[in-house]
């Protein structure tokens, strides 16, 4: 059985706007969002970004 690799950001948001917003975030914020699971909407993504820990 072969392994299939996909883009780790492929499932971010249901819309191109959500994907564009996610791509503009700093890498450490993206990592925190991905650790929580993919958001279901752009609003949910924005909320997750606002609640992310910016202290590093």
PDB file of N, CA and C in Angstrom:
ATOM      1  N   UNK A   1       0.847  -1.167   0.000  1.00  0.00           N
ATOM      2  CA  UNK A   1       0.000   0.000   0.000  1.00  0.00           C
ATOM      3  C   UNK A   1       0.900   1.240   0.000  1.00  0.00           C
ATOM      4  N   UNK A   2       0.725   2.106  -0.964  1.00  0.00           N
ATOM      5  CA  UNK A   2       1.536   3.312  -1.064  1.00  0.00           C
ATOM      6  C   UNK A   2       0.957   4.439  -0.240  1.00  0.00           C
ATOM      7  N   UNK A   3       1.812   5.337   0.156  1.00  0.00           N
ATOM      8  CA  UNK A   3       1.373   6.498   0.909  1.00  0.00           C
ATOM      9  C   UNK A   3       0.969   7.615  -0.038  1.00  0.00           C
ATOM     10  N   UNK A   4      -0.030   8.355   0.361  1.00  0.00           N
ATOM     11  CA  UNK A   4      -0.482   9.505  -0.415  1.00  0.00           C
ATOM     12  C   UNK A   4      -0.225  10.757   0.397  1.00  0.00           C
ATOM     13  N   UNK A   5       0.471  11.694  -0.189  1.00  0.00           N
ATOM     14  CA  UNK A   5       0.770  12.946   0.491  1.00  0.00           C
ATOM     15  C   UNK A   5      -0.075  14.055  -0.106  1.00  0.00           C
ATOM     16  N   UNK A   6      -0.616  14.876   0.773  1.00  0.00           N
ATOM     17  CA  UNK A   6      -1.412  16.015   0.321  1.00  0.00           C
ATOM     18  C   UNK A   6      -0.874  17.274   0.981  1.00  0.00           C
ATOM     19  N   UNK A   7      -1.283  18.385   0.470  1.00  0.00           N
ATOM     20  CA  UNK A   7      -0.913  19.668   1.046  1.00  0.00           C
ATOM     21  C   UNK A   7      -1.543  19.785   2.429  1.00  0.00           C
ATOM     22  N   UNK A   8      -0.751  20.102   3.439  1.00  0.00           N
ATOM     23  CA  UNK A   8      -1.287  20.174   4.796  1.00  0.00           C
ATOM     24  C   UNK A   8      -2.310  21.283   4.984  1.00  0.00           C
ATOM     25  N   UNK A   9      -2.317  22.262   4.081  1.00  0.00           N
ATOM     26  CA  UNK A   9      -3.255  23.361   4.194  1.00  0.00           C
ATOM     27  C   UNK A   9      -4.463  23.196   3.271  1.00  0.00           C
ATOM     28  N   UNK A  10      -4.588  22.079   2.597  1.00  0.00           N
ATOM     29  CA  UNK A  10      -5.614  21.891   1.584  1.00  0.00           C
ATOM     30  C   UNK A  10      -7.034  21.962   2.150  1.00  0.00           C
ATOM     31  N   UNK A  11      -7.223  21.575   3.401  1.00  0.00           N
ATOM     32  CA  UNK A  11      -8.570  21.519   3.967  1.00  0.00           C
ATOM     33  C   UNK A  11      -8.926  22.736   4.806  1.00  0.00           C
ATOM     34  N   UNK A  12      -8.199  23.818   4.644  1.00  0.00           N
ATOM     35  CA  UNK A  12      -8.475  25.009   5.440  1.00  0.00           C
ATOM     36  C   UNK A  12      -9.603  25.803   4.793  1.00  0.00           C
ATOM     37  N   UNK A  13     -10.709  25.831   5.478  1.00  0.00           N
ATOM     38  CA  UNK A  13     -11.844  26.630   5.037  1.00  0.00           C
ATOM     39  C   UNK A  13     -12.535  26.099   3.797  1.00  0.00           C
ATOM     40  N   UNK A  14     -13.808  26.333   3.716  1.00  0.00           N
ATOM     41  CA  UNK A  14     -14.599  25.860   2.580  1.00  0.00           C
ATOM     42  C   UNK A  14     -14.559  26.798   1.373  1.00  0.00           C
ATOM     43  N   UNK A  15     -13.913  27.953   1.512  1.00  0.00           N
ATOM     44  CA  UNK A  15     -13.939  28.949   0.442  1.00  0.00           C
ATOM     45  C   UNK A  15     -12.526  29.425   0.098  1.00  0.00           C
ATOM     46  N   UNK A  16     -12.350  29.951  -1.093  1.00  0.00           N
ATOM     47  CA  UNK A  16     -11.050  30.527  -1.452  1.00  0.00           C
ATOM     48  C   UNK A  16     -10.673  31.707  -0.555  1.00  0.00           C
ATOM     49  N   UNK A  17     -11.663  32.446  -0.056  1.00  0.00           N
ATOM     50  CA  UNK A  17     -11.388  33.561   0.839  1.00  0.00           C
ATOM     51  C   UNK A  17     -10.766  33.074   2.142  1.00  0.00           C
ATOM     52  N   UNK A  18     -11.275  31.953   2.663  1.00  0.00           N
ATOM     53  CA  UNK A  18     -10.717  31.382   3.894  1.00  0.00           C
ATOM     54  C   UNK A  18      -9.292  30.901   3.653  1.00  0.00           C
ATOM     55  N   UNK A  19      -9.056  30.273   2.523  1.00  0.00           N
ATOM     56  CA  UNK A  19      -7.706  29.806   2.201  1.00  0.00           C
ATOM     57  C   UNK A  19      -6.744  30.981   2.063  1.00  0.00           C
ATOM     58  N   UNK A  20      -7.180  32.057   1.438  1.00  0.00           N
ATOM     59  CA  UNK A  20      -6.331  33.239   1.273  1.00  0.00           C
ATOM     60  C   UNK A  20      -6.030  33.871   2.634  1.00  0.00           C
ATOM     61  N   UNK A  21      -7.029  33.960   3.496  1.00  0.00           N
ATOM     62  CA  UNK A  21      -6.824  34.506   4.842  1.00  0.00           C
ATOM     63  C   UNK A  21      -5.815  33.652   5.598  1.00  0.00           C
ATOM     64  N   UNK A  22      -5.983  32.335   5.535  1.00  0.00           N
ATOM     65  CA  UNK A  22      -5.079  31.416   6.226  1.00  0.00           C
ATOM     66  C   UNK A  22      -3.654  31.560   5.699  1.00  0.00           C
ATOM     67  N   UNK A  23      -3.494  31.657   4.403  1.00  0.00           N
ATOM     68  CA  UNK A  23      -2.161  31.754   3.805  1.00  0.00           C
ATOM     69  C   UNK A  23      -1.437  33.031   4.200  1.00  0.00           C
ATOM     70  N   UNK A  24      -2.164  34.065   4.561  1.00  0.00           N
ATOM     71  CA  UNK A  24      -1.558  35.333   4.968  1.00  0.00           C
ATOM     72  C   UNK A  24      -1.137  35.352   6.440  1.00  0.00           C
ATOM     73  N   UNK A  25      -1.537  34.344   7.201  1.00  0.00           N
ATOM     74  CA  UNK A  25      -1.190  34.298   8.621  1.00  0.00           C
ATOM     75  C   UNK A  25       0.266  33.879   8.805  1.00  0.00           C
ATOM     76  N   UNK A  26       0.878  34.291   9.914  1.00  0.00           N
ATOM     77  CA  UNK A  26       2.241  33.819  10.230  1.00  0.00           C
ATOM     78  C   UNK A  26       2.239  32.301  10.437  1.00  0.00           C
ATOM     79  N   UNK A  27       3.374  31.678  10.174  1.00  0.00           N
ATOM     80  CA  UNK A  27       3.474  30.220  10.253  1.00  0.00           C
ATOM     81  C   UNK A  27       3.123  29.672  11.630  1.00  0.00           C
ATOM     82  N   UNK A  28       3.526  30.368  12.697  1.00  0.00           N
ATOM     83  CA  UNK A  28       3.231  29.841  14.028  1.00  0.00           C
ATOM     84  C   UNK A  28       1.742  29.889  14.348  1.00  0.00           C
ATOM     85  N   UNK A  29       1.007  30.830  13.761  1.00  0.00           N
ATOM     86  CA  UNK A  29      -0.444  30.875  13.942  1.00  0.00           C
ATOM     87  C   UNK A  29      -1.090  29.760  13.124  1.00  0.00           C
ATOM     88  N   UNK A  30      -0.593  29.537  11.915  1.00  0.00           N
ATOM     89  CA  UNK A  30      -1.104  28.425  11.099  1.00  0.00           C
ATOM     90  C   UNK A  30      -0.949  27.102  11.841  1.00  0.00           C
ATOM     91  N   UNK A  31       0.205  26.906  12.469  1.00  0.00           N
ATOM     92  CA  UNK A  31       0.456  25.656  13.194  1.00  0.00           C
ATOM     93  C   UNK A  31      -0.527  25.477  14.341  1.00  0.00           C
ATOM     94  N   UNK A  32      -0.825  26.567  15.049  1.00  0.00           N
ATOM     95  CA  UNK A  32      -1.781  26.477  16.156  1.00  0.00           C
ATOM     96  C   UNK A  32      -3.181  26.147  15.657  1.00  0.00           C
ATOM     97  N   UNK A  33      -3.561  26.727  14.536  1.00  0.00           N
ATOM     98  CA  UNK A  33      -4.885  26.458  13.972  1.00  0.00           C
ATOM     99  C   UNK A  33      -4.974  25.011  13.504  1.00  0.00           C
ATOM    100  N   UNK A  34      -3.940  24.536  12.817  1.00  0.00           N
ATOM    101  CA  UNK A  34      -3.944  23.161  12.339  1.00  0.00           C
ATOM    102  C   UNK A  34      -3.978  22.159  13.488  1.00  0.00           C
ATOM    103  N   UNK A  35      -3.378  22.501  14.612  1.00  0.00           N
ATOM    104  CA  UNK A  35      -3.392  21.619  15.779  1.00  0.00           C
ATOM    105  C   UNK A  35      -4.791  21.471  16.354  1.00  0.00           C
ATOM    106  N   UNK A  36      -5.634  22.473  16.132  1.00  0.00           N
ATOM    107  CA  UNK A  36      -7.008  22.436  16.647  1.00  0.00           C
ATOM    108  C   UNK A  36      -7.965  21.753  15.681  1.00  0.00           C
ATOM    109  N   UNK A  37      -7.577  21.615  14.438  1.00  0.00           N
ATOM    110  CA  UNK A  37      -8.455  21.041  13.423  1.00  0.00           C
ATOM    111  C   UNK A  37      -8.922  22.113  12.452  1.00  0.00           C
ATOM    112  N   UNK A  38      -9.342  21.681  11.297  1.00  0.00           N
ATOM    113  CA  UNK A  38      -9.742  22.615  10.244  1.00  0.00           C
ATOM    114  C   UNK A  38     -11.051  23.318  10.614  1.00  0.00           C
ATOM    115  N   UNK A  39     -11.086  24.634  10.456  1.00  0.00           N
ATOM    116  CA  UNK A  39     -12.323  25.385  10.750  1.00  0.00           C
ATOM    117  C   UNK A  39     -13.384  25.135   9.681  1.00  0.00           C
ATOM    118  N   UNK A  40     -14.626  25.369  10.050  1.00  0.00           N
ATOM    119  CA  UNK A  40     -15.740  25.086   9.144  1.00  0.00           C
ATOM    120  C   UNK A  40     -16.157  26.281   8.295  1.00  0.00           C
ATOM    121  N   UNK A  41     -15.658  27.473   8.639  1.00  0.00           N
ATOM    122  CA  UNK A  41     -16.041  28.669   7.888  1.00  0.00           C
ATOM    123  C   UNK A  41     -14.963  29.733   8.036  1.00  0.00           C
ATOM    124  N   UNK A  42     -15.076  30.779   7.239  1.00  0.00           N
ATOM    125  CA  UNK A  42     -14.143  31.901   7.329  1.00  0.00           C
ATOM    126  C   UNK A  42     -14.269  32.573   8.690  1.00  0.00           C
ATOM    127  N   UNK A  43     -15.477  32.728   9.182  1.00  0.00           N
ATOM    128  CA  UNK A  43     -15.669  33.343  10.500  1.00  0.00           C
ATOM    129  C   UNK A  43     -15.011  32.507  11.601  1.00  0.00           C
ATOM    130  N   UNK A  44     -15.157  31.199  11.517  1.00  0.00           N
ATOM    131  CA  UNK A  44     -14.523  30.321  12.501  1.00  0.00           C
ATOM    132  C   UNK A  44     -13.001  30.419  12.405  1.00  0.00           C
ATOM    133  N   UNK A  45     -12.485  30.520  11.208  1.00  0.00           N
ATOM    134  CA  UNK A  45     -11.044  30.666  11.010  1.00  0.00           C
ATOM    135  C   UNK A  45     -10.545  31.974  11.611  1.00  0.00           C
ATOM    136  N   UNK A  46     -11.269  33.062  11.368  1.00  0.00           N
ATOM    137  CA  UNK A  46     -10.881  34.355  11.930  1.00  0.00           C
ATOM    138  C   UNK A  46     -10.909  34.321  13.450  1.00  0.00           C
ATOM    139  N   UNK A  47     -11.904  33.657  14.027  1.00  0.00           N
ATOM    140  CA  UNK A  47     -11.986  33.543  15.474  1.00  0.00           C
ATOM    141  C   UNK A  47     -10.802  32.752  16.019  1.00  0.00           C
ATOM    142  N   UNK A  48     -10.447  31.650  15.350  1.00  0.00           N
ATOM    143  CA  UNK A  48      -9.310  30.854  15.780  1.00  0.00           C
ATOM    144  C   UNK A  48      -8.013  31.663  15.696  1.00  0.00           C
ATOM    145  N   UNK A  49      -7.880  32.467  14.668  1.00  0.00           N
ATOM    146  CA  UNK A  49      -6.681  33.304  14.517  1.00  0.00           C
ATOM    147  C   UNK A  49      -6.625  34.365  15.608  1.00  0.00           C
ATOM    148  N   UNK A  50      -7.772  34.959  15.934  1.00  0.00           N
ATOM    149  CA  UNK A  50      -7.814  35.969  16.995  1.00  0.00           C
ATOM    150  C   UNK A  50      -7.473  35.379  18.358  1.00  0.00           C
ATOM    151  N   UNK A  51      -7.863  34.126  18.570  1.00  0.00           N
ATOM    152  CA  UNK A  51      -7.628  33.481  19.871  1.00  0.00           C
ATOM    153  C   UNK A  51      -6.273  32.799  19.962  1.00  0.00           C
ATOM    154  N   UNK A  52      -5.524  32.780  18.874  1.00  0.00           N
ATOM    155  CA  UNK A  52      -4.221  32.117  18.864  1.00  0.00           C
ATOM    156  C   UNK A  52      -3.252  32.852  19.785  1.00  0.00           C
ATOM    157  N   UNK A  53      -2.288  32.127  20.254  1.00  0.00           N
ATOM    158  CA  UNK A  53      -1.292  32.686  21.162  1.00  0.00           C
ATOM    159  C   UNK A  53      -0.187  33.362  20.352  1.00  0.00           C
ATOM    160  N   UNK A  54      -0.150  34.684  20.394  1.00  0.00           N
ATOM    161  CA  UNK A  54       0.828  35.447  19.635  1.00  0.00           C
ATOM    162  C   UNK A  54       2.138  35.648  20.393  1.00  0.00           C
ATOM    163  N   UNK A  55       2.220  35.110  21.589  1.00  0.00           N
ATOM    164  CA  UNK A  55       3.432  35.297  22.398  1.00  0.00           C
ATOM    165  C   UNK A  55       4.402  34.151  22.141  1.00  0.00           C
ATOM    166  N   UNK A  56       5.512  34.501  21.521  1.00  0.00           N
ATOM    167  CA  UNK A  56       6.573  33.516  21.256  1.00  0.00           C
ATOM    168  C   UNK A  56       7.903  34.165  21.471  1.00  0.00           C
TER     169      UNK A  56
END
